[in-house]
Protein backbone atom coordinates (compact mmCIF):
# COMPACT_ATOMS: atom_id res chain seq x y z
CA UNK A 1 0.09 -0.17 0.13
CA UNK A 2 2.73 2.48 1.04
CA UNK A 3 4.87 1.93 -2.30
CA UNK A 4 1.56 2.29 -4.32
CA UNK A 5 0.63 5.68 -2.26
CA UNK A 6 4.14 6.85 -3.02
CA UNK A 7 3.85 6.03 -6.83
CA UNK A 8 0.69 7.35 -7.25
CA UNK A 9 2.08 10.92 -5.25
CA UNK A 10 5.02 10.92 -7.65
CA UNK A 11 3.13 10.95 -10.36
CA UNK A 12 0.79 13.56 -9.19
CA UNK A 13 4.18 15.81 -8.68
CA UNK A 14 4.75 15.27 -11.93
CA UNK A 15 2.18 15.66 -13.82
CA UNK A 16 2.06 19.71 -11.60
CA UNK A 17 6.02 19.81 -12.91
CA UNK A 18 4.50 19.97 -16.44
CA UNK A 19 1.88 21.86 -16.22
CA UNK A 20 3.17 24.12 -14.64
CA UNK A 21 6.42 24.71 -16.97
CA UNK A 22 4.01 25.83 -20.48
CA UNK A 23 2.79 28.74 -18.21
CA UNK A 24 6.24 29.62 -17.27
CA UNK A 25 8.02 29.34 -20.02
CA UNK A 26 5.15 31.56 -21.94
CA UNK A 27 5.94 34.51 -18.63
CA UNK A 28 8.90 34.15 -19.46
CA UNK A 29 8.53 34.62 -23.38
CA UNK A 30 6.40 37.58 -22.53
CA UNK A 31 8.81 39.38 -19.79
CA UNK A 32 11.16 39.13 -22.16
CA UNK A 33 9.70 40.39 -25.46
CA UNK A 34 8.32 43.36 -23.05
CA UNK A 35 12.44 44.37 -21.96
CA UNK A 36 12.68 44.19 -25.37
CA UNK A 37 10.29 46.56 -26.97
CA UNK A 38 11.84 48.77 -24.08
CA UNK A 39 15.20 48.84 -25.34
CA UNK A 40 13.57 49.33 -28.52
CA UNK A 41 11.12 52.43 -27.56
CA UNK A 42 14.82 53.67 -25.65
CA UNK A 43 16.56 53.91 -28.73
CA UNK A 44 13.53 55.47 -30.20
CA UNK A 45 13.04 57.64 -27.59
CA UNK A 46 17.07 58.83 -27.68
CA UNK A 47 16.77 59.33 -31.70
CA UNK A 48 13.64 61.89 -31.40
CA UNK A 49 15.10 64.05 -28.66
CA UNK A 50 18.50 64.00 -30.51
CA UNK A 51 15.83 65.25 -33.51
CA UNK A 52 14.30 68.10 -31.82
CA UNK A 53 17.42 69.25 -30.43
CA UNK A 54 19.14 69.67 -33.10
CA UNK A 55 15.60 71.06 -35.14
CA UNK A 56 14.69 73.60 -32.66
CA UNK A 57 18.42 75.17 -31.85
CA UNK A 58 18.55 75.97 -35.96
CA UNK A 59 16.70 79.24 -37.83
CA UNK A 60 13.49 78.94 -39.24
CA UNK A 61 13.75 78.51 -43.23
CA UNK A 62 11.44 79.40 -45.65
CA UNK A 63 7.79 77.34 -45.81
CA UNK A 64 8.64 75.20 -48.07
CA UNK A 65 6.36 76.42 -51.28
CA UNK A 66 2.89 74.69 -51.84
CA UNK A 67 3.39 73.09 -54.86
CA UNK A 68 5.83 70.41 -52.70
CA UNK A 69 3.67 70.47 -50.38
CA UNK A 70 2.40 66.88 -51.09
CA UNK A 71 5.86 65.47 -51.25
CA UNK A 72 6.94 66.32 -48.47
CA UNK A 73 7.67 63.29 -45.37
CA UNK A 74 7.13 63.36 -41.86
CA UNK A 75 10.19 61.47 -41.13
CA UNK A 76 12.40 64.19 -42.69
CA UNK A 77 10.48 67.45 -42.76
CA UNK A 78 8.34 67.39 -39.35
CA UNK A 79 9.28 69.78 -36.59
CA UNK A 80 11.38 72.06 -38.91
CA UNK A 81 11.03 75.34 -37.77
CA UNK A 82 9.82 77.95 -40.74
CA UNK A 83 8.72 81.61 -41.37
CA UNK A 84 6.49 82.76 -43.62
CA UNK A 85 3.51 85.28 -44.10
CA UNK A 86 -0.28 84.39 -44.09
CA UNK A 87 -3.79 86.28 -42.98
CA UNK A 88 -5.38 84.56 -40.15
CA UNK A 89 -9.06 83.23 -40.93
CA UNK A 90 -10.15 84.03 -37.61
CA UNK A 91 -14.02 83.34 -37.98
CA UNK A 92 -13.60 79.82 -38.66
CA UNK A 93 -10.87 79.06 -36.09
CA UNK A 94 -11.58 75.48 -34.55
CA UNK A 95 -10.80 74.30 -30.86
CA UNK A 96 -8.74 71.53 -30.23
CA UNK A 97 -9.36 70.00 -26.57
CA UNK A 98 -6.03 69.22 -25.00
CA UNK A 99 -3.90 69.94 -21.40
CA UNK A 100 -0.68 69.68 -20.14
CA UNK A 101 1.70 69.12 -22.81
CA UNK A 102 5.32 67.67 -23.02
CA UNK A 103 6.50 70.26 -25.30
CA UNK A 104 5.43 72.81 -24.07
CA UNK A 105 6.15 72.71 -19.60
CA UNK A 106 4.26 76.40 -19.82
CA UNK A 107 1.28 74.94 -20.53
CA UNK A 108 -0.98 73.83 -17.42
CA UNK A 109 -4.82 72.59 -16.79
CA UNK A 110 -7.41 71.61 -19.14
CA UNK A 111 -7.98 73.80 -21.93
CA UNK A 112 -8.20 73.92 -26.23
CA UNK A 113 -5.41 74.16 -29.07
CA UNK A 114 -6.83 77.02 -31.09
CA UNK A 115 -6.24 75.86 -34.92
CA UNK A 116 -6.75 78.78 -37.09
CA UNK A 117 -6.55 78.70 -41.18
CA UNK A 118 -3.71 80.82 -42.40
CA UNK A 119 -3.99 81.92 -46.18
CA UNK A 120 -0.73 82.47 -47.94
CA UNK A 121 -0.29 85.47 -51.01
CA UNK A 122 -0.60 82.85 -53.45
CA UNK A 123 -4.08 82.16 -52.04
CA UNK A 124 -2.89 78.41 -50.24
CA UNK A 125 -4.05 77.22 -46.77
CA UNK A 126 -2.34 75.76 -43.97
CA UNK A 127 -3.33 75.39 -40.31
CA UNK A 128 -1.54 76.88 -37.68
CA UNK A 129 -2.43 75.88 -34.03
CA UNK A 130 -1.75 79.46 -32.89
CA UNK A 131 -1.78 78.27 -29.21
CA UNK A 132 -3.46 77.51 -25.80
CA UNK A 133 -6.30 79.11 -24.24
CA UNK A 134 -7.43 78.09 -20.50
CA UNK A 135 -10.98 76.56 -20.10
CA UNK A 136 -13.41 79.07 -19.71
CA UNK A 137 -11.96 81.11 -22.61
CA UNK A 138 -13.62 79.46 -25.94
CA UNK A 139 -15.88 82.27 -26.85
CA UNK A 140 -13.50 84.72 -29.23
CA UNK A 141 -15.49 87.49 -27.54
CA UNK A 142 -13.67 86.22 -24.46
CA UNK A 143 -10.26 86.98 -26.23
CA UNK A 144 -11.01 90.39 -28.78
CA UNK A 145 -7.01 90.87 -28.75
CA UNK A 146 -5.70 87.82 -29.83
CA UNK A 147 -8.17 88.29 -33.35
CA UNK A 148 -4.97 88.78 -35.06
CA UNK A 149 -5.95 90.81 -38.86
CA UNK A 150 -4.24 91.56 -42.16
CA UNK A 151 -1.12 89.34 -43.01
CA UNK A 152 1.17 88.88 -40.05
CA UNK A 153 5.35 87.44 -39.90
CA UNK A 154 4.57 83.56 -38.63
CA UNK A 155 7.28 82.18 -36.96
CA UNK A 156 6.89 78.01 -36.01
CA UNK A 157 7.49 73.98 -36.21
CA UNK A 158 5.89 72.15 -38.95
CA UNK A 159 4.03 69.23 -37.33
CA UNK A 160 1.56 66.79 -38.82
CA UNK A 161 -1.81 65.28 -37.37
CA UNK A 162 -2.18 62.77 -34.66
CA UNK A 163 -3.31 59.41 -35.36
CA UNK A 164 -6.74 58.28 -34.40
CA UNK A 165 -6.78 55.67 -31.45
CA UNK A 166 -8.83 53.34 -30.19
CA UNK A 167 -10.03 55.68 -27.05
CA UNK A 168 -9.83 59.00 -29.29
CA UNK A 169 -13.55 60.68 -29.04
CA UNK A 170 -14.77 61.70 -32.25
CA UNK A 171 -14.96 65.69 -33.17
CA UNK A 172 -18.29 67.14 -32.50
CA UNK A 173 -17.89 69.49 -35.63
CA UNK A 174 -21.62 70.89 -34.23
CA UNK A 175 -19.88 72.54 -30.92
CA UNK A 176 -16.08 73.69 -33.17
CA UNK A 177 -14.75 71.08 -30.94
CA UNK A 178 -11.61 68.23 -31.55
CA UNK A 179 -10.48 65.72 -29.84
CA UNK A 180 -6.94 65.57 -31.98
CA UNK A 181 -4.71 67.87 -33.91
CA UNK A 182 -5.73 66.90 -38.02
CA UNK A 183 -6.07 69.75 -39.86
CA UNK A 184 -7.90 67.51 -42.99
CA UNK A 185 -10.84 66.63 -40.67
CA UNK A 186 -11.46 70.82 -39.42
CA UNK A 187 -11.41 71.70 -43.56
CA UNK A 188 -13.56 69.56 -43.94
CA UNK A 189 -15.94 69.76 -41.73
CA UNK A 190 -15.84 74.17 -42.28
CA UNK A 191 -15.87 73.39 -46.07
CA UNK A 192 -12.34 75.12 -46.49
CA UNK A 193 -10.89 73.56 -49.49
CA UNK A 194 -7.51 72.04 -49.45
CA UNK A 195 -5.21 72.43 -47.29
CA UNK A 196 -1.39 71.54 -46.56
CA UNK A 197 -1.00 67.93 -45.12
CA UNK A 198 1.10 69.40 -41.66
CA UNK A 199 -0.09 72.25 -39.69
CA UNK A 200 2.41 74.90 -38.09
CA UNK A 201 2.54 75.28 -34.10
CA UNK A 202 3.24 78.64 -34.05
CA UNK A 203 5.92 80.11 -31.39
CA UNK A 204 5.66 83.85 -32.23
CA UNK A 205 3.91 86.05 -32.39
CA UNK A 206 2.51 86.23 -28.97
CA UNK A 207 -0.84 87.84 -29.45
CA UNK A 208 -1.98 91.47 -28.07
CA UNK A 209 -3.32 90.50 -24.60
CA UNK A 210 -1.79 86.72 -24.77
CA UNK A 211 -4.23 84.72 -25.79
CA UNK A 212 -3.76 82.13 -27.28
CA UNK A 213 -0.78 81.79 -25.87
CA UNK A 214 1.78 80.28 -28.08
CA UNK A 215 5.34 78.92 -27.21
CA UNK A 216 8.61 77.34 -28.95
CA UNK A 217 8.80 73.65 -27.98
CA UNK A 218 10.74 72.94 -25.23
CA UNK A 219 12.42 69.41 -25.64
CA UNK A 220 12.01 67.24 -22.13
CA UNK A 221 10.89 64.03 -22.78
CA UNK A 222 11.10 61.97 -20.00
CA UNK A 223 13.30 58.68 -21.24
CA UNK A 224 12.48 55.82 -18.75
CA UNK A 225 12.66 53.14 -21.34
CA UNK A 226 16.01 51.60 -19.90
CA UNK A 227 14.47 51.25 -16.05
CA UNK A 228 11.39 49.40 -17.56
CA UNK A 229 13.53 47.13 -19.52
CA UNK A 230 15.47 45.76 -16.60
CA UNK A 231 12.07 45.69 -14.58
CA UNK A 232 10.65 43.30 -17.52
CA UNK A 233 14.43 41.50 -17.23
CA UNK A 234 14.37 41.22 -13.62
CA UNK A 235 11.21 39.65 -13.52
CA UNK A 236 11.83 37.06 -15.91
CA UNK A 237 15.24 35.90 -14.14
CA UNK A 238 13.13 35.76 -10.79
CA UNK A 239 10.54 33.48 -12.72
CA UNK A 240 13.46 31.52 -13.88
CA UNK A 241 15.15 31.27 -10.32
CA UNK A 242 11.66 30.05 -8.41
CA UNK A 243 11.08 27.98 -10.93
CA UNK A 244 13.96 25.97 -10.94
CA UNK A 245 13.90 26.04 -7.28
CA UNK A 246 10.53 24.59 -7.21
CA UNK A 247 11.35 21.81 -9.78
CA UNK A 248 14.60 20.89 -8.30
CA UNK A 249 12.68 20.25 -5.08
CA UNK A 250 9.46 18.73 -6.34
CA UNK A 251 12.21 16.01 -8.24
CA UNK A 252 14.14 15.94 -5.05
CA UNK A 253 10.72 14.44 -3.29
CA UNK A 254 9.84 12.43 -6.70
CA UNK A 255 12.81 10.21 -6.17
CA UNK A 256 13.23 9.67 -2.14
CA UNK A 257 15.36 12.10 -1.57
CA UNK A 258 13.41 13.49 1.41
CA UNK A 259 12.64 11.41 4.63
CA UNK A 260 9.44 10.49 5.11
CA UNK A 261 7.29 11.92 7.37
CA UNK A 262 7.58 10.03 10.73
CA UNK A 263 4.81 7.71 11.60
CA UNK A 264 3.02 7.71 15.33
CA UNK A 265 3.60 4.60 16.96
CA UNK A 266 0.78 2.98 18.63
CA UNK A 267 0.70 2.74 22.20
CA UNK A 268 2.20 -0.50 23.48
CA UNK A 269 -0.78 -2.72 25.74
CA UNK A 270 0.17 -3.65 29.03
CA UNK A 271 0.65 -7.10 29.97
């Protein structure tokens, strides 16, 4: 009976060991993949910081001619500082909901980015993010000094539209509200006609009254990806150590290297 029970117990431990091997391997693979992804993110972030630092230090160049706009490439042209003259069409400004920005540490609290069409001398149109306004200043009448008229000399940074995500709300054109910086969507809703595939993040001029609040991009992007990678790789090592230790002890018990617990002795009867 004891031998049979021992065999059954050993088989049960073996099934338990093999049953945990597959999920352990899957968990290990996931942790390694997450650590590797963070290493790639670190390289991407360092490249972005270097690119931003270089392009923000460069003097502004002339805005590319409208004939070249369709051939511009986000990877090679985004974040370039440009200068141009245009007239704002304040009647068609749009509000894009926004909050604190890693590029704009001078902006805090909930508010909106003011996107205004700007028309060049040849009639071409592009959208300009004129800057930030806090909650409660959506109505242009609350900031009349900022409604600049006539031709204006503008310096800013070329930016490409935000990507749409699962959790990005749909635009509310009826209330002049967007949730992603998308000049094509704004132009279509307002029937402005063709616009540039990019928009301009305005640096100057600062309008009278200070609103909308333009500003220069500041390169202060967090780069904690190495720390995250070390965490994921460390958890993978811990998983291996715990599993190997557990399986080693399990195999020892299976082969009888552990002394069985002492059996209680029955009290002897006196004669």
